[in-house]
């Protein structure tokens, strides 16, 4: 499975998972000069920016370990860009992370949500 295909499948799994958890999806794959945000949603009183990482195997660490400091900085900058270009948003916001591990057949073996993953 190619990397892009794996990412697309993971993002679809993440959307379904988040909807079951009460998230209301606003937008997906928001791109700006600062970077990209996989999923933008609302959860309770929060606007939530969600980074999704999908992996097949742990040879290079867990999905959570693949989010670098530089990626966190880009997520924050992208979130600020989104908020400056959209109106009627919740006052509170945060960045969550969804890590997905899949077997070679494309079945999820683990889906983990980390709320407020970036300070």
C-alpha atoms as a PDB file:
ATOM      1  CA  UNK A   1       0.000   0.000   0.000  1.00  0.00           C
ATOM      2  CA  UNK A   2       1.378   3.403  -0.979  1.00  0.00           C
ATOM      3  CA  UNK A   3       1.929   6.098   1.631  1.00  0.00           C
ATOM      4  CA  UNK A   4      -0.768   8.441   0.250  1.00  0.00           C
ATOM      5  CA  UNK A   5      -3.289   5.617   0.061  1.00  0.00           C
ATOM      6  CA  UNK A   6      -2.452   4.576   3.627  1.00  0.00           C
ATOM      7  CA  UNK A   7      -2.902   8.184   4.780  1.00  0.00           C
ATOM      8  CA  UNK A   8      -6.265   8.531   3.034  1.00  0.00           C
ATOM      9  CA  UNK A   9      -7.551   5.280   4.558  1.00  0.00           C
ATOM     10  CA  UNK A  10      -6.313   6.372   7.983  1.00  0.00           C
ATOM     11  CA  UNK A  11      -8.021   9.756   7.720  1.00  0.00           C
ATOM     12  CA  UNK A  12     -11.317   8.099   6.782  1.00  0.00           C
ATOM     13  CA  UNK A  13     -10.991   5.766   9.795  1.00  0.00           C
ATOM     14  CA  UNK A  14     -10.188   8.749  11.997  1.00  0.00           C
ATOM     15  CA  UNK A  15     -13.271  10.684  10.812  1.00  0.00           C
ATOM     16  CA  UNK A  16     -15.565   7.744  11.620  1.00  0.00           C
ATOM     17  CA  UNK A  17     -13.854   7.244  14.986  1.00  0.00           C
ATOM     18  CA  UNK A  18     -14.137  10.941  15.883  1.00  0.00           C
ATOM     19  CA  UNK A  19     -17.822  11.130  14.885  1.00  0.00           C
ATOM     20  CA  UNK A  20     -18.545   8.250  17.292  1.00  0.00           C
ATOM     21  CA  UNK A  21     -16.759  10.262  20.002  1.00  0.00           C
ATOM     22  CA  UNK A  22     -19.058  13.262  19.417  1.00  0.00           C
ATOM     23  CA  UNK A  23     -16.863  15.354  17.139  1.00  0.00           C
ATOM     24  CA  UNK A  24     -18.608  17.323  14.384  1.00  0.00           C
ATOM     25  CA  UNK A  25     -16.366  17.475  11.311  1.00  0.00           C
ATOM     26  CA  UNK A  26     -16.171  20.963   9.768  1.00  0.00           C
ATOM     27  CA  UNK A  27     -13.502  20.486   7.137  1.00  0.00           C
ATOM     28  CA  UNK A  28     -10.788  18.093   5.978  1.00  0.00           C
ATOM     29  CA  UNK A  29      -7.369  18.654   4.439  1.00  0.00           C
ATOM     30  CA  UNK A  30      -7.237  22.409   5.038  1.00  0.00           C
ATOM     31  CA  UNK A  31      -4.166  23.778   3.272  1.00  0.00           C
ATOM     32  CA  UNK A  32      -2.525  27.140   3.761  1.00  0.00           C
ATOM     33  CA  UNK A  33       0.926  28.671   3.375  1.00  0.00           C
ATOM     34  CA  UNK A  34       1.895  27.382   6.824  1.00  0.00           C
ATOM     35  CA  UNK A  35       0.967  23.739   6.189  1.00  0.00           C
ATOM     36  CA  UNK A  36      -1.974  21.349   6.250  1.00  0.00           C
ATOM     37  CA  UNK A  37      -4.473  20.239   8.870  1.00  0.00           C
ATOM     38  CA  UNK A  38      -5.978  16.802   8.303  1.00  0.00           C
ATOM     39  CA  UNK A  39      -9.300  17.324  10.099  1.00  0.00           C
ATOM     40  CA  UNK A  40     -10.966  20.384  11.613  1.00  0.00           C
ATOM     41  CA  UNK A  41     -13.888  19.637  13.907  1.00  0.00           C
ATOM     42  CA  UNK A  42     -15.926  20.924  16.813  1.00  0.00           C
ATOM     43  CA  UNK A  43     -16.102  19.014  20.069  1.00  0.00           C
ATOM     44  CA  UNK A  44     -18.142  20.427  22.928  1.00  0.00           C
ATOM     45  CA  UNK A  45     -17.056  24.086  23.210  1.00  0.00           C
ATOM     46  CA  UNK A  46     -13.831  23.630  21.256  1.00  0.00           C
ATOM     47  CA  UNK A  47     -12.628  24.098  17.722  1.00  0.00           C
ATOM     48  CA  UNK A  48     -10.306  21.124  17.261  1.00  0.00           C
ATOM     49  CA  UNK A  49      -7.467  20.747  14.769  1.00  0.00           C
ATOM     50  CA  UNK A  50      -6.606  17.083  14.323  1.00  0.00           C
ATOM     51  CA  UNK A  51      -3.409  15.523  13.017  1.00  0.00           C
ATOM     52  CA  UNK A  52      -3.815  11.921  11.841  1.00  0.00           C
ATOM     53  CA  UNK A  53      -0.874   9.532  11.573  1.00  0.00           C
ATOM     54  CA  UNK A  54      -1.292   6.025  10.190  1.00  0.00           C
ATOM     55  CA  UNK A  55       1.356   3.309  10.232  1.00  0.00           C
ATOM     56  CA  UNK A  56       1.635  -0.346   9.300  1.00  0.00           C
ATOM     57  CA  UNK A  57       4.174  -1.753  11.704  1.00  0.00           C
ATOM     58  CA  UNK A  58       6.344  -0.304  14.426  1.00  0.00           C
ATOM     59  CA  UNK A  59       9.781  -0.529  12.836  1.00  0.00           C
ATOM     60  CA  UNK A  60      10.129   3.269  12.929  1.00  0.00           C
ATOM     61  CA  UNK A  61       8.214   3.837  16.171  1.00  0.00           C
ATOM     62  CA  UNK A  62       4.584   4.520  16.942  1.00  0.00           C
ATOM     63  CA  UNK A  63       2.394   7.005  15.059  1.00  0.00           C
ATOM     64  CA  UNK A  64       2.619   9.329  18.078  1.00  0.00           C
ATOM     65  CA  UNK A  65       6.403   9.357  17.916  1.00  0.00           C
ATOM     66  CA  UNK A  66       6.344  10.527  14.295  1.00  0.00           C
ATOM     67  CA  UNK A  67       5.062  14.020  15.153  1.00  0.00           C
ATOM     68  CA  UNK A  68       8.169  16.198  15.400  1.00  0.00           C
ATOM     69  CA  UNK A  69       8.615  19.568  17.080  1.00  0.00           C
ATOM     70  CA  UNK A  70       8.691  21.201  13.626  1.00  0.00           C
ATOM     71  CA  UNK A  71       5.368  19.527  12.706  1.00  0.00           C
ATOM     72  CA  UNK A  72       3.812  20.781  15.958  1.00  0.00           C
ATOM     73  CA  UNK A  73       4.952  24.315  15.114  1.00  0.00           C
ATOM     74  CA  UNK A  74       3.389  24.007  11.629  1.00  0.00           C
ATOM     75  CA  UNK A  75       0.135  22.734  13.148  1.00  0.00           C
ATOM     76  CA  UNK A  76      -0.065  25.740  15.461  1.00  0.00           C
ATOM     77  CA  UNK A  77       0.698  28.173  12.611  1.00  0.00           C
ATOM     78  CA  UNK A  78      -1.877  26.473  10.359  1.00  0.00           C
ATOM     79  CA  UNK A  79      -4.509  26.569  13.133  1.00  0.00           C
ATOM     80  CA  UNK A  80      -3.918  30.299  13.623  1.00  0.00           C
ATOM     81  CA  UNK A  81      -4.193  30.847   9.860  1.00  0.00           C
ATOM     82  CA  UNK A  82      -7.498  28.960   9.780  1.00  0.00           C
ATOM     83  CA  UNK A  83      -8.914  30.972  12.671  1.00  0.00           C
ATOM     84  CA  UNK A  84      -7.887  34.277  11.090  1.00  0.00           C
ATOM     85  CA  UNK A  85      -9.633  33.381   7.822  1.00  0.00           C
ATOM     86  CA  UNK A  86     -12.924  31.999   9.225  1.00  0.00           C
ATOM     87  CA  UNK A  87     -15.724  33.586  11.232  1.00  0.00           C
ATOM     88  CA  UNK A  88     -18.197  32.300  13.838  1.00  0.00           C
ATOM     89  CA  UNK A  89     -15.755  29.894  15.481  1.00  0.00           C
ATOM     90  CA  UNK A  90     -15.773  28.670  19.085  1.00  0.00           C
ATOM     91  CA  UNK A  91     -13.597  30.786  21.396  1.00  0.00           C
ATOM     92  CA  UNK A  92     -11.616  27.785  22.658  1.00  0.00           C
ATOM     93  CA  UNK A  93      -9.358  25.697  20.457  1.00  0.00           C
ATOM     94  CA  UNK A  94      -6.917  22.834  20.749  1.00  0.00           C
ATOM     95  CA  UNK A  95      -4.901  20.392  18.679  1.00  0.00           C
ATOM     96  CA  UNK A  96      -5.676  16.681  18.999  1.00  0.00           C
ATOM     97  CA  UNK A  97      -3.867  13.694  17.564  1.00  0.00           C
ATOM     98  CA  UNK A  98      -5.213  10.419  16.211  1.00  0.00           C
ATOM     99  CA  UNK A  99      -2.703   7.598  15.854  1.00  0.00           C
ATOM    100  CA  UNK A 100      -3.729   4.554  13.834  1.00  0.00           C
ATOM    101  CA  UNK A 101      -1.856   1.291  13.495  1.00  0.00           C
ATOM    102  CA  UNK A 102      -2.966  -1.079  10.764  1.00  0.00           C
ATOM    103  CA  UNK A 103      -2.058  -4.610   9.784  1.00  0.00           C
ATOM    104  CA  UNK A 104      -0.857  -5.462   6.277  1.00  0.00           C
ATOM    105  CA  UNK A 105      -4.451  -6.184   5.179  1.00  0.00           C
ATOM    106  CA  UNK A 106      -5.604  -2.636   6.030  1.00  0.00           C
ATOM    107  CA  UNK A 107      -7.458  -3.491   9.243  1.00  0.00           C
ATOM    108  CA  UNK A 108      -6.972  -1.130  12.181  1.00  0.00           C
ATOM    109  CA  UNK A 109      -5.239  -2.825  15.103  1.00  0.00           C
ATOM    110  CA  UNK A 110      -5.177   0.320  17.257  1.00  0.00           C
ATOM    111  CA  UNK A 111      -6.772   3.768  17.130  1.00  0.00           C
ATOM    112  CA  UNK A 112      -5.678   6.219  19.791  1.00  0.00           C
ATOM    113  CA  UNK A 113      -6.983   9.746  20.431  1.00  0.00           C
ATOM    114  CA  UNK A 114      -4.822  12.196  22.339  1.00  0.00           C
ATOM    115  CA  UNK A 115      -6.680  15.382  23.193  1.00  0.00           C
ATOM    116  CA  UNK A 116      -4.717  18.603  23.579  1.00  0.00           C
ATOM    117  CA  UNK A 117      -1.633  16.915  22.138  1.00  0.00           C
ATOM    118  CA  UNK A 118       0.172  20.178  21.319  1.00  0.00           C
ATOM    119  CA  UNK A 119       0.642  22.930  23.875  1.00  0.00           C
END
